[in-house]
Amino acid sequence: MNVTQLITAAFILARSRYPELCTIWNRISFQVSALLPNSLLMVSVQRTGDLDMILRAMEDDYSPPTEGTGEAGRPADLFSDHYHLMLSELWVGAVYEVFRLLIERKLTPDSDAIRALAHDLRLLRIPLEKHEIAADRKLSETLRMQRYPPNNNETDSYHYSKNDARRAHIMPSGISSRGSVMWYVIDVKSQKSFWLERRALSERIVAIWGLAAGDTGT
């Protein structure tokens, strides 16, 4: 098989693993696209659904270390981890843009769940794509940061200033017990830091849009 055939086969296999979720994402795409007719919004949402299913398949392929034995799970594979992270970041950016569009144009009902989800997606998207802390203009003072992963030298401690054109922020990331990529975000508004898991975000989206489309679960 060539590269094109292998990639196509991977997406088809992921769809076959999650037939109910595939149906939900298709219904969601019709529902959301109706808010902006004569556009390609339906295609955008369907693509995020396809990415979600292939990422769930990769997440479910993950085998964590066996509890109590100290034995490793799946063999370390830098390439699979690299592509898993890459696709997860693409999914975050794509979903963020859908929410940004609907909220900015006031096309979606105003609800706490939608606002909270859009906020969490922004906490991820800004560091991933703009390489800075989300809403850093609201910072009242320079932040003292700790580099992760550490270099184990004097560069591990640094200062982050909103006025520095060369400022940058790299979010710590990891793999959850469910095999999903997660990121440690900084929320300037609440002055808190916490982990956000990709799969949990997907489940929140499906809960909001899927239920609105007449479904009750995945």
N, C-alpha and C. Protein backbone atom coordinates (compact mmCIF):
# COMPACT_ATOMS: atom_id res chain seq x y z
N MET A 1 0.85 -1.20 0.00
CA MET A 1 0.00 0.00 0.00
C MET A 1 0.88 1.25 0.00
N ASN A 2 0.43 2.29 -0.69
CA ASN A 2 1.19 3.54 -0.67
C ASN A 2 0.72 4.42 0.49
N VAL A 3 1.35 5.58 0.63
CA VAL A 3 1.05 6.46 1.76
C VAL A 3 -0.42 6.90 1.75
N THR A 4 -0.91 7.29 0.59
CA THR A 4 -2.30 7.74 0.48
C THR A 4 -3.27 6.64 0.91
N GLN A 5 -3.02 5.43 0.48
CA GLN A 5 -3.89 4.30 0.83
C GLN A 5 -3.83 4.01 2.34
N LEU A 6 -2.64 4.11 2.91
CA LEU A 6 -2.50 3.85 4.34
C LEU A 6 -3.24 4.89 5.18
N ILE A 7 -3.11 6.16 4.79
CA ILE A 7 -3.80 7.23 5.54
C ILE A 7 -5.30 7.07 5.42
N THR A 8 -5.77 6.80 4.20
CA THR A 8 -7.20 6.60 3.98
C THR A 8 -7.71 5.42 4.80
N ALA A 9 -6.95 4.33 4.81
CA ALA A 9 -7.34 3.14 5.56
C ALA A 9 -7.42 3.43 7.05
N ALA A 10 -6.51 4.27 7.56
CA ALA A 10 -6.52 4.61 8.99
C ALA A 10 -7.80 5.36 9.36
N PHE A 11 -8.21 6.32 8.54
CA PHE A 11 -9.44 7.07 8.82
C PHE A 11 -10.67 6.17 8.70
N ILE A 12 -10.68 5.28 7.72
CA ILE A 12 -11.81 4.36 7.56
C ILE A 12 -11.89 3.41 8.75
N LEU A 13 -10.74 2.92 9.21
CA LEU A 13 -10.72 2.02 10.37
C LEU A 13 -11.23 2.74 11.62
N ALA A 14 -10.82 4.00 11.80
CA ALA A 14 -11.27 4.76 12.96
C ALA A 14 -12.79 4.95 12.91
N ARG A 15 -13.32 5.26 11.75
CA ARG A 15 -14.78 5.41 11.62
C ARG A 15 -15.50 4.11 11.97
N SER A 16 -14.93 2.99 11.55
CA SER A 16 -15.58 1.70 11.80
C SER A 16 -15.54 1.33 13.28
N ARG A 17 -14.55 1.84 14.01
CA ARG A 17 -14.47 1.57 15.45
C ARG A 17 -15.56 2.29 16.23
N TYR A 18 -15.95 3.46 15.75
CA TYR A 18 -16.88 4.31 16.50
C TYR A 18 -18.07 4.70 15.62
N PRO A 19 -18.89 3.74 15.20
CA PRO A 19 -20.01 4.05 14.30
C PRO A 19 -21.03 5.02 14.89
N GLU A 20 -21.30 4.88 16.20
CA GLU A 20 -22.27 5.79 16.83
C GLU A 20 -21.72 7.21 16.88
N LEU A 21 -20.44 7.32 17.22
CA LEU A 21 -19.82 8.65 17.28
C LEU A 21 -19.76 9.27 15.89
N CYS A 22 -19.51 8.45 14.88
CA CYS A 22 -19.49 8.93 13.50
C CYS A 22 -20.85 9.52 13.13
N THR A 23 -21.91 8.83 13.51
CA THR A 23 -23.27 9.33 13.24
C THR A 23 -23.52 10.65 13.96
N ILE A 24 -23.07 10.74 15.20
CA ILE A 24 -23.27 11.97 15.97
C ILE A 24 -22.53 13.14 15.33
N TRP A 25 -21.27 12.93 14.92
CA TRP A 25 -20.52 14.02 14.30
C TRP A 25 -21.17 14.46 12.99
N ASN A 26 -21.72 13.52 12.23
CA ASN A 26 -22.42 13.89 10.99
C ASN A 26 -23.64 14.75 11.30
N ARG A 27 -24.40 14.37 12.33
CA ARG A 27 -25.57 15.15 12.70
C ARG A 27 -25.16 16.53 13.24
N ILE A 28 -24.08 16.55 14.01
CA ILE A 28 -23.58 17.82 14.53
C ILE A 28 -23.21 18.75 13.37
N SER A 29 -22.56 18.20 12.35
CA SER A 29 -22.14 19.02 11.21
C SER A 29 -23.33 19.65 10.51
N PHE A 30 -24.44 18.91 10.38
CA PHE A 30 -25.65 19.46 9.77
C PHE A 30 -26.25 20.56 10.65
N GLN A 31 -26.29 20.28 11.96
CA GLN A 31 -26.87 21.25 12.89
C GLN A 31 -26.09 22.55 12.91
N VAL A 32 -24.77 22.45 13.04
CA VAL A 32 -23.93 23.64 13.15
C VAL A 32 -23.89 24.40 11.83
N SER A 33 -23.81 23.69 10.71
CA SER A 33 -23.73 24.37 9.41
C SER A 33 -25.00 25.13 9.09
N ALA A 34 -26.11 24.72 9.68
CA ALA A 34 -27.37 25.44 9.46
C ALA A 34 -27.31 26.85 10.03
N LEU A 35 -26.39 27.08 10.95
CA LEU A 35 -26.23 28.41 11.54
C LEU A 35 -25.53 29.37 10.58
N LEU A 36 -24.82 28.81 9.59
CA LEU A 36 -24.11 29.63 8.62
C LEU A 36 -24.26 28.99 7.24
N PRO A 37 -25.46 29.09 6.65
CA PRO A 37 -25.70 28.48 5.34
C PRO A 37 -24.83 29.12 4.26
N ASN A 38 -24.72 28.42 3.14
CA ASN A 38 -23.91 28.90 2.00
C ASN A 38 -22.44 29.05 2.37
N SER A 39 -21.98 28.18 3.28
CA SER A 39 -20.57 28.19 3.68
C SER A 39 -20.06 26.75 3.69
N LEU A 40 -18.78 26.59 3.98
CA LEU A 40 -18.18 25.25 4.10
C LEU A 40 -18.04 24.84 5.57
N LEU A 41 -18.87 25.43 6.42
CA LEU A 41 -18.79 25.11 7.84
C LEU A 41 -19.09 23.64 8.09
N MET A 42 -20.02 23.07 7.33
CA MET A 42 -20.32 21.65 7.49
C MET A 42 -19.08 20.79 7.27
N VAL A 43 -18.34 21.12 6.22
CA VAL A 43 -17.11 20.37 5.92
C VAL A 43 -16.10 20.53 7.05
N SER A 44 -15.97 21.74 7.57
CA SER A 44 -15.03 21.99 8.67
C SER A 44 -15.36 21.14 9.88
N VAL A 45 -16.64 21.07 10.23
CA VAL A 45 -17.05 20.30 11.40
C VAL A 45 -16.87 18.80 11.15
N GLN A 46 -17.20 18.35 9.94
CA GLN A 46 -17.01 16.94 9.62
C GLN A 46 -15.54 16.55 9.72
N ARG A 47 -14.66 17.45 9.30
CA ARG A 47 -13.23 17.16 9.39
C ARG A 47 -12.75 17.08 10.83
N THR A 48 -13.29 17.95 11.70
CA THR A 48 -12.92 17.85 13.12
C THR A 48 -13.43 16.53 13.70
N GLY A 49 -14.59 16.08 13.20
CA GLY A 49 -15.10 14.78 13.65
C GLY A 49 -14.21 13.64 13.21
N ASP A 50 -13.73 13.70 11.97
CA ASP A 50 -12.82 12.66 11.47
C ASP A 50 -11.54 12.64 12.29
N LEU A 51 -11.01 13.83 12.58
CA LEU A 51 -9.80 13.90 13.41
C LEU A 51 -10.06 13.36 14.81
N ASP A 52 -11.22 13.67 15.35
CA ASP A 52 -11.57 13.20 16.69
C ASP A 52 -11.57 11.68 16.73
N MET A 53 -12.17 11.05 15.70
CA MET A 53 -12.27 9.59 15.70
C MET A 53 -10.90 8.93 15.53
N ILE A 54 -10.05 9.49 14.68
CA ILE A 54 -8.73 8.86 14.52
C ILE A 54 -7.88 9.08 15.78
N LEU A 55 -8.07 10.22 16.45
CA LEU A 55 -7.36 10.45 17.70
C LEU A 55 -7.87 9.53 18.81
N ARG A 56 -9.17 9.30 18.83
CA ARG A 56 -9.71 8.37 19.84
C ARG A 56 -9.16 6.96 19.59
N ALA A 57 -9.01 6.60 18.32
CA ALA A 57 -8.44 5.29 18.01
C ALA A 57 -7.00 5.21 18.50
N MET A 58 -6.21 6.27 18.28
CA MET A 58 -4.83 6.30 18.77
C MET A 58 -4.80 6.27 20.29
N GLU A 59 -5.75 6.98 20.92
CA GLU A 59 -5.82 7.00 22.39
C GLU A 59 -6.15 5.62 22.93
N ASP A 60 -7.08 4.93 22.27
CA ASP A 60 -7.48 3.61 22.73
C ASP A 60 -6.43 2.55 22.42
N ASP A 61 -5.53 2.85 21.47
CA ASP A 61 -4.40 1.95 21.20
C ASP A 61 -3.35 2.02 22.30
N TYR A 62 -3.40 3.10 23.06
CA TYR A 62 -2.38 3.32 24.09
C TYR A 62 -2.55 2.32 25.22
N SER A 63 -1.44 1.75 25.67
CA SER A 63 -1.46 0.80 26.78
C SER A 63 -0.61 1.35 27.91
N PRO A 64 -1.22 1.83 28.99
CA PRO A 64 -0.44 2.39 30.10
C PRO A 64 0.33 1.31 30.84
N PRO A 65 1.30 1.69 31.67
CA PRO A 65 2.04 0.70 32.46
C PRO A 65 1.09 -0.13 33.33
N THR A 66 1.40 -1.39 33.48
CA THR A 66 0.58 -2.28 34.29
C THR A 66 0.71 -1.91 35.76
N GLU A 67 -0.40 -1.65 36.39
CA GLU A 67 -0.39 -1.18 37.78
C GLU A 67 0.19 -2.24 38.72
N GLY A 68 1.12 -1.81 39.55
CA GLY A 68 1.67 -2.69 40.57
C GLY A 68 2.83 -3.56 40.11
N THR A 69 3.10 -3.57 38.78
CA THR A 69 4.17 -4.44 38.28
C THR A 69 5.41 -3.66 37.91
N GLY A 70 5.23 -2.38 37.65
CA GLY A 70 6.37 -1.58 37.22
C GLY A 70 6.73 -1.80 35.76
N GLU A 71 5.96 -2.67 35.08
CA GLU A 71 6.25 -2.95 33.68
C GLU A 71 5.70 -1.84 32.79
N ALA A 72 6.45 -1.52 31.78
CA ALA A 72 6.02 -0.49 30.85
C ALA A 72 4.86 -1.00 30.01
N GLY A 73 4.09 -0.06 29.48
CA GLY A 73 3.00 -0.42 28.59
C GLY A 73 3.54 -0.58 27.18
N ARG A 74 3.03 0.20 26.26
CA ARG A 74 3.49 0.09 24.89
C ARG A 74 4.96 0.52 24.81
N PRO A 75 5.72 -0.02 23.87
CA PRO A 75 7.12 0.39 23.70
C PRO A 75 7.20 1.87 23.35
N ALA A 76 8.26 2.52 23.81
CA ALA A 76 8.45 3.93 23.49
C ALA A 76 8.58 4.09 21.99
N ASP A 77 7.82 4.99 21.43
CA ASP A 77 7.84 5.22 19.98
C ASP A 77 7.74 6.71 19.75
N LEU A 78 8.88 7.34 19.51
CA LEU A 78 8.91 8.79 19.35
C LEU A 78 8.10 9.25 18.16
N PHE A 79 8.06 8.44 17.11
CA PHE A 79 7.34 8.85 15.91
C PHE A 79 5.83 8.85 16.13
N SER A 80 5.29 7.80 16.77
CA SER A 80 3.85 7.76 17.00
C SER A 80 3.43 8.86 17.97
N ASP A 81 4.25 9.11 18.99
CA ASP A 81 3.94 10.18 19.93
C ASP A 81 3.96 11.54 19.23
N HIS A 82 4.92 11.71 18.34
CA HIS A 82 5.04 12.97 17.59
C HIS A 82 3.79 13.21 16.75
N TYR A 83 3.33 12.21 16.02
CA TYR A 83 2.17 12.38 15.15
C TYR A 83 0.87 12.48 15.97
N HIS A 84 0.84 11.77 17.10
CA HIS A 84 -0.32 11.88 17.99
C HIS A 84 -0.46 13.32 18.49
N LEU A 85 0.65 13.90 18.93
CA LEU A 85 0.63 15.28 19.41
C LEU A 85 0.30 16.24 18.29
N MET A 86 0.88 16.02 17.11
CA MET A 86 0.63 16.90 15.97
C MET A 86 -0.85 16.92 15.59
N LEU A 87 -1.46 15.75 15.50
CA LEU A 87 -2.88 15.68 15.14
C LEU A 87 -3.76 16.28 16.24
N SER A 88 -3.37 16.09 17.49
CA SER A 88 -4.13 16.66 18.61
C SER A 88 -4.11 18.18 18.56
N GLU A 89 -2.96 18.75 18.24
CA GLU A 89 -2.85 20.21 18.13
C GLU A 89 -3.66 20.73 16.95
N LEU A 90 -3.66 20.00 15.83
CA LEU A 90 -4.47 20.40 14.67
C LEU A 90 -5.96 20.39 15.03
N TRP A 91 -6.37 19.37 15.81
CA TRP A 91 -7.77 19.27 16.21
C TRP A 91 -8.16 20.45 17.10
N VAL A 92 -7.31 20.80 18.05
CA VAL A 92 -7.60 21.93 18.94
C VAL A 92 -7.78 23.20 18.13
N GLY A 93 -6.88 23.48 17.20
CA GLY A 93 -6.97 24.69 16.39
C GLY A 93 -8.23 24.72 15.55
N ALA A 94 -8.60 23.59 14.96
CA ALA A 94 -9.78 23.53 14.10
C ALA A 94 -11.06 23.74 14.90
N VAL A 95 -11.16 23.07 16.05
CA VAL A 95 -12.36 23.21 16.87
C VAL A 95 -12.46 24.62 17.45
N TYR A 96 -11.33 25.17 17.87
CA TYR A 96 -11.32 26.54 18.39
C TYR A 96 -11.90 27.51 17.37
N GLU A 97 -11.50 27.39 16.11
CA GLU A 97 -11.96 28.32 15.07
C GLU A 97 -13.47 28.21 14.85
N VAL A 98 -14.01 27.01 14.95
CA VAL A 98 -15.47 26.84 14.80
C VAL A 98 -16.19 27.58 15.92
N PHE A 99 -15.73 27.39 17.16
CA PHE A 99 -16.36 28.06 18.30
C PHE A 99 -16.17 29.57 18.22
N ARG A 100 -14.97 30.02 17.83
CA ARG A 100 -14.71 31.45 17.73
C ARG A 100 -15.66 32.10 16.73
N LEU A 101 -15.84 31.45 15.59
CA LEU A 101 -16.74 31.99 14.56
C LEU A 101 -18.16 32.11 15.08
N LEU A 102 -18.69 31.05 15.67
CA LEU A 102 -20.08 31.03 16.12
C LEU A 102 -20.32 32.04 17.24
N ILE A 103 -19.37 32.17 18.16
CA ILE A 103 -19.54 33.10 19.27
C ILE A 103 -19.35 34.54 18.81
N GLU A 104 -18.34 34.77 17.97
CA GLU A 104 -18.05 36.13 17.50
C GLU A 104 -19.22 36.71 16.71
N ARG A 105 -19.87 35.86 15.93
CA ARG A 105 -21.01 36.32 15.11
C ARG A 105 -22.35 36.15 15.83
N LYS A 106 -22.29 35.65 17.07
CA LYS A 106 -23.49 35.46 17.88
C LYS A 106 -24.49 34.54 17.18
N LEU A 107 -23.96 33.43 16.65
CA LEU A 107 -24.80 32.47 15.93
C LEU A 107 -25.22 31.30 16.81
N THR A 108 -24.59 31.18 17.97
CA THR A 108 -24.90 30.06 18.86
C THR A 108 -25.50 30.59 20.16
N PRO A 109 -26.40 29.83 20.78
CA PRO A 109 -26.98 30.27 22.06
C PRO A 109 -25.91 30.55 23.10
N ASP A 110 -26.12 31.58 23.88
CA ASP A 110 -25.16 31.95 24.93
C ASP A 110 -25.42 31.07 26.15
N SER A 111 -24.46 30.22 26.49
CA SER A 111 -24.62 29.33 27.64
C SER A 111 -23.30 29.23 28.37
N ASP A 112 -23.37 28.88 29.66
CA ASP A 112 -22.15 28.73 30.46
C ASP A 112 -21.27 27.63 29.90
N ALA A 113 -21.88 26.54 29.43
CA ALA A 113 -21.11 25.41 28.92
C ALA A 113 -20.32 25.79 27.66
N ILE A 114 -20.97 26.53 26.76
CA ILE A 114 -20.31 26.93 25.51
C ILE A 114 -19.21 27.95 25.80
N ARG A 115 -19.48 28.90 26.68
CA ARG A 115 -18.46 29.90 27.02
C ARG A 115 -17.25 29.26 27.70
N ALA A 116 -17.50 28.32 28.60
CA ALA A 116 -16.40 27.65 29.31
C ALA A 116 -15.57 26.81 28.35
N LEU A 117 -16.24 26.13 27.42
CA LEU A 117 -15.52 25.31 26.45
C LEU A 117 -14.68 26.17 25.52
N ALA A 118 -15.26 27.26 25.03
CA ALA A 118 -14.51 28.17 24.16
C ALA A 118 -13.32 28.76 24.89
N HIS A 119 -13.49 29.08 26.16
CA HIS A 119 -12.40 29.64 26.96
C HIS A 119 -11.26 28.64 27.10
N ASP A 120 -11.59 27.37 27.40
CA ASP A 120 -10.56 26.35 27.55
C ASP A 120 -9.83 26.10 26.23
N LEU A 121 -10.56 26.11 25.13
CA LEU A 121 -9.92 25.92 23.83
C LEU A 121 -8.96 27.08 23.54
N ARG A 122 -9.33 28.27 23.94
CA ARG A 122 -8.45 29.42 23.72
C ARG A 122 -7.19 29.32 24.58
N LEU A 123 -7.32 28.81 25.81
CA LEU A 123 -6.15 28.62 26.68
C LEU A 123 -5.12 27.70 26.03
N LEU A 124 -5.60 26.80 25.18
CA LEU A 124 -4.72 25.89 24.46
C LEU A 124 -4.22 26.49 23.15
N ARG A 125 -5.13 27.04 22.41
CA ARG A 125 -4.81 27.49 21.05
C ARG A 125 -3.75 28.60 21.03
N ILE A 126 -3.85 29.56 21.95
CA ILE A 126 -2.91 30.70 21.95
C ILE A 126 -1.47 30.24 22.18
N PRO A 127 -1.19 29.43 23.21
CA PRO A 127 0.20 28.95 23.37
C PRO A 127 0.65 28.04 22.23
N LEU A 128 -0.26 27.21 21.70
CA LEU A 128 0.12 26.27 20.65
C LEU A 128 0.44 26.97 19.33
N GLU A 129 -0.34 28.00 19.00
CA GLU A 129 -0.20 28.61 17.68
C GLU A 129 0.43 30.01 17.71
N LYS A 130 0.35 30.70 18.84
CA LYS A 130 0.95 32.03 18.94
C LYS A 130 2.14 32.06 19.89
N HIS A 131 2.38 30.93 20.57
CA HIS A 131 3.57 30.75 21.42
C HIS A 131 3.65 31.75 22.57
N GLU A 132 2.47 32.11 23.09
CA GLU A 132 2.42 33.01 24.22
C GLU A 132 1.29 32.59 25.14
N ILE A 133 1.27 33.13 26.35
CA ILE A 133 0.21 32.82 27.30
C ILE A 133 -1.07 33.53 26.87
N ALA A 134 -2.18 32.83 26.90
CA ALA A 134 -3.46 33.42 26.51
C ALA A 134 -3.79 34.60 27.40
N ALA A 135 -4.24 35.70 26.76
CA ALA A 135 -4.66 36.91 27.49
C ALA A 135 -3.54 37.49 28.33
N ASP A 136 -2.30 37.37 27.86
CA ASP A 136 -1.18 37.88 28.67
C ASP A 136 -1.18 39.41 28.80
N ARG A 137 -1.95 40.09 27.96
CA ARG A 137 -2.04 41.55 28.08
C ARG A 137 -2.67 41.96 29.41
N LYS A 138 -3.37 41.03 30.05
CA LYS A 138 -4.02 41.32 31.34
C LYS A 138 -3.07 41.12 32.51
N LEU A 139 -1.87 40.65 32.24
CA LEU A 139 -0.91 40.45 33.33
C LEU A 139 -0.49 41.80 33.91
N SER A 140 -0.52 41.92 35.21
CA SER A 140 -0.16 43.18 35.86
C SER A 140 1.33 43.26 36.19
N GLU A 141 2.00 42.12 36.13
CA GLU A 141 3.43 42.09 36.45
C GLU A 141 4.11 40.96 35.69
N THR A 142 5.43 41.01 35.69
CA THR A 142 6.21 39.96 35.04
C THR A 142 6.09 38.65 35.82
N LEU A 143 5.97 37.55 35.09
CA LEU A 143 5.85 36.25 35.72
C LEU A 143 7.21 35.56 35.80
N ARG A 144 7.47 34.93 36.92
CA ARG A 144 8.67 34.10 37.03
C ARG A 144 8.26 32.68 36.68
N MET A 145 8.89 32.14 35.63
CA MET A 145 8.49 30.85 35.08
C MET A 145 9.58 29.80 35.31
N GLN A 146 9.16 28.54 35.28
CA GLN A 146 10.08 27.43 35.40
C GLN A 146 10.01 26.61 34.11
N ARG A 147 11.12 26.43 33.45
CA ARG A 147 11.15 25.75 32.17
C ARG A 147 10.82 24.26 32.33
N TYR A 148 10.02 23.75 31.36
CA TYR A 148 9.66 22.32 31.36
C TYR A 148 9.66 21.80 29.93
N PRO A 149 10.37 20.72 29.65
CA PRO A 149 11.23 19.98 30.59
C PRO A 149 12.47 20.79 30.93
N PRO A 150 13.03 20.56 32.10
CA PRO A 150 14.17 21.38 32.54
C PRO A 150 15.45 21.08 31.78
N ASN A 151 16.28 22.11 31.68
CA ASN A 151 17.62 21.93 31.12
C ASN A 151 18.65 21.61 32.21
N ASN A 152 18.17 21.70 33.47
CA ASN A 152 19.04 21.45 34.63
C ASN A 152 20.23 22.40 34.67
N ASN A 153 19.94 23.66 34.35
CA ASN A 153 20.96 24.71 34.49
C ASN A 153 20.26 26.02 34.81
N GLU A 154 21.00 27.14 34.73
CA GLU A 154 20.45 28.43 35.13
C GLU A 154 19.33 28.93 34.23
N THR A 155 19.19 28.32 33.04
CA THR A 155 18.13 28.76 32.12
C THR A 155 16.76 28.22 32.51
N ASP A 156 16.70 27.32 33.50
CA ASP A 156 15.41 26.72 33.89
C ASP A 156 14.47 27.76 34.49
N SER A 157 15.00 28.79 35.09
CA SER A 157 14.18 29.86 35.66
C SER A 157 14.29 31.08 34.75
N TYR A 158 13.14 31.59 34.33
CA TYR A 158 13.15 32.75 33.44
C TYR A 158 11.93 33.63 33.72
N HIS A 159 11.92 34.82 33.15
CA HIS A 159 10.83 35.77 33.37
C HIS A 159 10.02 35.96 32.09
N TYR A 160 8.72 36.05 32.25
CA TYR A 160 7.80 36.23 31.13
C TYR A 160 7.15 37.60 31.27
N SER A 161 7.40 38.49 30.31
CA SER A 161 6.84 39.83 30.33
C SER A 161 5.98 40.07 29.09
N LYS A 162 4.78 40.59 29.28
CA LYS A 162 3.90 40.86 28.16
C LYS A 162 4.47 41.93 27.23
N ASN A 163 5.43 42.71 27.71
CA ASN A 163 6.02 43.78 26.90
C ASN A 163 7.26 43.34 26.11
N ASP A 164 7.64 42.10 26.28
CA ASP A 164 8.83 41.56 25.60
C ASP A 164 8.40 40.95 24.27
N ALA A 165 8.87 41.51 23.15
CA ALA A 165 8.50 40.99 21.84
C ALA A 165 9.02 39.58 21.61
N ARG A 166 10.01 39.17 22.39
CA ARG A 166 10.58 37.83 22.24
C ARG A 166 10.07 36.86 23.31
N ARG A 167 9.02 37.26 23.99
CA ARG A 167 8.47 36.37 25.01
C ARG A 167 7.93 35.10 24.34
N ALA A 168 7.97 34.00 25.06
CA ALA A 168 7.46 32.73 24.54
C ALA A 168 7.06 31.84 25.70
N HIS A 169 6.11 30.97 25.42
CA HIS A 169 5.64 30.04 26.44
C HIS A 169 5.43 28.67 25.81
N ILE A 170 6.04 27.66 26.39
CA ILE A 170 5.85 26.27 25.95
C ILE A 170 5.07 25.54 27.03
N MET A 171 3.84 25.15 26.71
CA MET A 171 3.02 24.44 27.70
C MET A 171 3.58 23.04 27.95
N PRO A 172 3.67 22.65 29.21
CA PRO A 172 3.98 21.24 29.50
C PRO A 172 2.87 20.35 28.94
N SER A 173 3.23 19.22 28.41
CA SER A 173 2.24 18.29 27.86
C SER A 173 2.57 16.88 28.31
N GLY A 174 1.59 16.00 28.17
CA GLY A 174 1.80 14.61 28.56
C GLY A 174 0.70 13.74 28.00
N ILE A 175 0.68 12.50 28.42
CA ILE A 175 -0.35 11.55 28.00
C ILE A 175 -1.13 11.11 29.23
N SER A 176 -2.44 11.24 29.18
CA SER A 176 -3.28 10.86 30.32
C SER A 176 -3.38 9.34 30.42
N SER A 177 -4.03 8.87 31.47
CA SER A 177 -4.22 7.43 31.66
C SER A 177 -5.11 6.84 30.57
N ARG A 178 -5.85 7.71 29.86
CA ARG A 178 -6.70 7.25 28.77
C ARG A 178 -5.97 7.31 27.42
N GLY A 179 -4.67 7.66 27.46
CA GLY A 179 -3.91 7.72 26.22
C GLY A 179 -4.10 9.00 25.44
N SER A 180 -4.74 9.99 26.05
CA SER A 180 -5.03 11.25 25.37
C SER A 180 -3.98 12.30 25.72
N VAL A 181 -3.66 13.15 24.73
CA VAL A 181 -2.74 14.24 25.00
C VAL A 181 -3.38 15.22 25.96
N MET A 182 -2.60 15.72 26.92
CA MET A 182 -3.09 16.74 27.84
C MET A 182 -2.03 17.81 27.98
N TRP A 183 -2.49 19.02 28.29
CA TRP A 183 -1.61 20.18 28.39
C TRP A 183 -1.86 20.89 29.72
N TYR A 184 -0.80 21.47 30.28
CA TYR A 184 -0.90 22.23 31.52
C TYR A 184 -1.03 23.70 31.17
N VAL A 185 -2.24 24.24 31.30
CA VAL A 185 -2.53 25.60 30.85
C VAL A 185 -2.44 26.60 31.99
N ILE A 186 -2.18 27.85 31.61
CA ILE A 186 -2.21 28.98 32.54
C ILE A 186 -3.42 29.83 32.22
N ASP A 187 -4.29 30.01 33.20
CA ASP A 187 -5.49 30.82 33.02
C ASP A 187 -5.28 32.14 33.76
N VAL A 188 -4.95 33.19 33.01
CA VAL A 188 -4.69 34.49 33.62
C VAL A 188 -5.93 35.02 34.32
N LYS A 189 -7.08 34.80 33.75
CA LYS A 189 -8.34 35.33 34.29
C LYS A 189 -8.61 34.80 35.69
N SER A 190 -8.48 33.50 35.87
CA SER A 190 -8.77 32.88 37.18
C SER A 190 -7.53 32.78 38.05
N GLN A 191 -6.37 33.10 37.46
CA GLN A 191 -5.08 32.97 38.16
C GLN A 191 -4.85 31.54 38.65
N LYS A 192 -5.17 30.60 37.77
CA LYS A 192 -4.99 29.19 38.09
C LYS A 192 -4.27 28.49 36.93
N SER A 193 -3.67 27.36 37.25
CA SER A 193 -3.06 26.49 36.25
C SER A 193 -3.63 25.09 36.44
N PHE A 194 -3.89 24.41 35.34
CA PHE A 194 -4.49 23.08 35.44
C PHE A 194 -4.29 22.33 34.12
N TRP A 195 -4.53 21.01 34.18
CA TRP A 195 -4.39 20.16 33.00
C TRP A 195 -5.69 20.12 32.21
N LEU A 196 -5.58 20.16 30.89
CA LEU A 196 -6.72 19.97 29.99
C LEU A 196 -6.42 18.78 29.10
N GLU A 197 -7.35 17.83 29.07
CA GLU A 197 -7.18 16.62 28.25
C GLU A 197 -7.98 16.74 26.97
N ARG A 198 -7.37 16.37 25.84
CA ARG A 198 -8.05 16.49 24.56
C ARG A 198 -9.35 15.70 24.51
N ARG A 199 -9.32 14.48 25.00
CA ARG A 199 -10.52 13.64 24.91
C ARG A 199 -11.65 14.21 25.76
N ALA A 200 -11.31 14.76 26.91
CA ALA A 200 -12.33 15.36 27.75
C ALA A 200 -12.98 16.55 27.04
N LEU A 201 -12.18 17.34 26.32
CA LEU A 201 -12.74 18.44 25.55
C LEU A 201 -13.67 17.92 24.46
N SER A 202 -13.27 16.85 23.79
CA SER A 202 -14.11 16.25 22.76
C SER A 202 -15.44 15.77 23.35
N GLU A 203 -15.37 15.15 24.52
CA GLU A 203 -16.59 14.66 25.16
C GLU A 203 -17.52 15.81 25.52
N ARG A 204 -16.95 16.94 25.92
CA ARG A 204 -17.78 18.12 26.23
C ARG A 204 -18.45 18.66 24.98
N ILE A 205 -17.73 18.67 23.87
CA ILE A 205 -18.30 19.15 22.61
C ILE A 205 -19.44 18.25 22.16
N VAL A 206 -19.21 16.94 22.22
CA VAL A 206 -20.25 15.99 21.81
C VAL A 206 -21.46 16.10 22.74
N ALA A 207 -21.22 16.34 24.03
CA ALA A 207 -22.33 16.48 24.97
C ALA A 207 -23.17 17.70 24.65
N ILE A 208 -22.52 18.81 24.29
CA ILE A 208 -23.24 20.05 23.99
C ILE A 208 -23.96 19.95 22.65
N TRP A 209 -23.21 19.65 21.61
CA TRP A 209 -23.80 19.63 20.27
C TRP A 209 -24.57 18.36 19.98
N GLY A 210 -24.08 17.23 20.50
CA GLY A 210 -24.75 15.97 20.23
C GLY A 210 -26.12 15.90 20.85
N LEU A 211 -26.23 16.38 22.10
CA LEU A 211 -27.54 16.39 22.76
C LEU A 211 -28.49 17.35 22.05
N ALA A 212 -27.94 18.47 21.60
CA ALA A 212 -28.76 19.45 20.88
C ALA A 212 -29.26 18.87 19.56
N ALA A 213 -28.49 17.92 19.02
CA ALA A 213 -28.88 17.31 17.75
C ALA A 213 -29.81 16.11 17.94
N GLY A 214 -30.16 15.84 19.23
CA GLY A 214 -31.11 14.79 19.50
C GLY A 214 -30.51 13.49 19.96
N ASP A 215 -29.19 13.47 20.23
CA ASP A 215 -28.54 12.25 20.70
C ASP A 215 -28.36 12.31 22.21
N THR A 216 -28.11 11.17 22.79
CA THR A 216 -27.99 11.11 24.24
C THR A 216 -26.62 10.65 24.70
N GLY A 217 -25.72 10.33 23.80
CA GLY A 217 -24.41 9.90 24.24
C GLY A 217 -23.59 9.35 23.10
N THR A 218 -22.43 8.81 23.45
CA THR A 218 -21.52 8.25 22.44
C THR A 218 -21.47 6.74 22.55
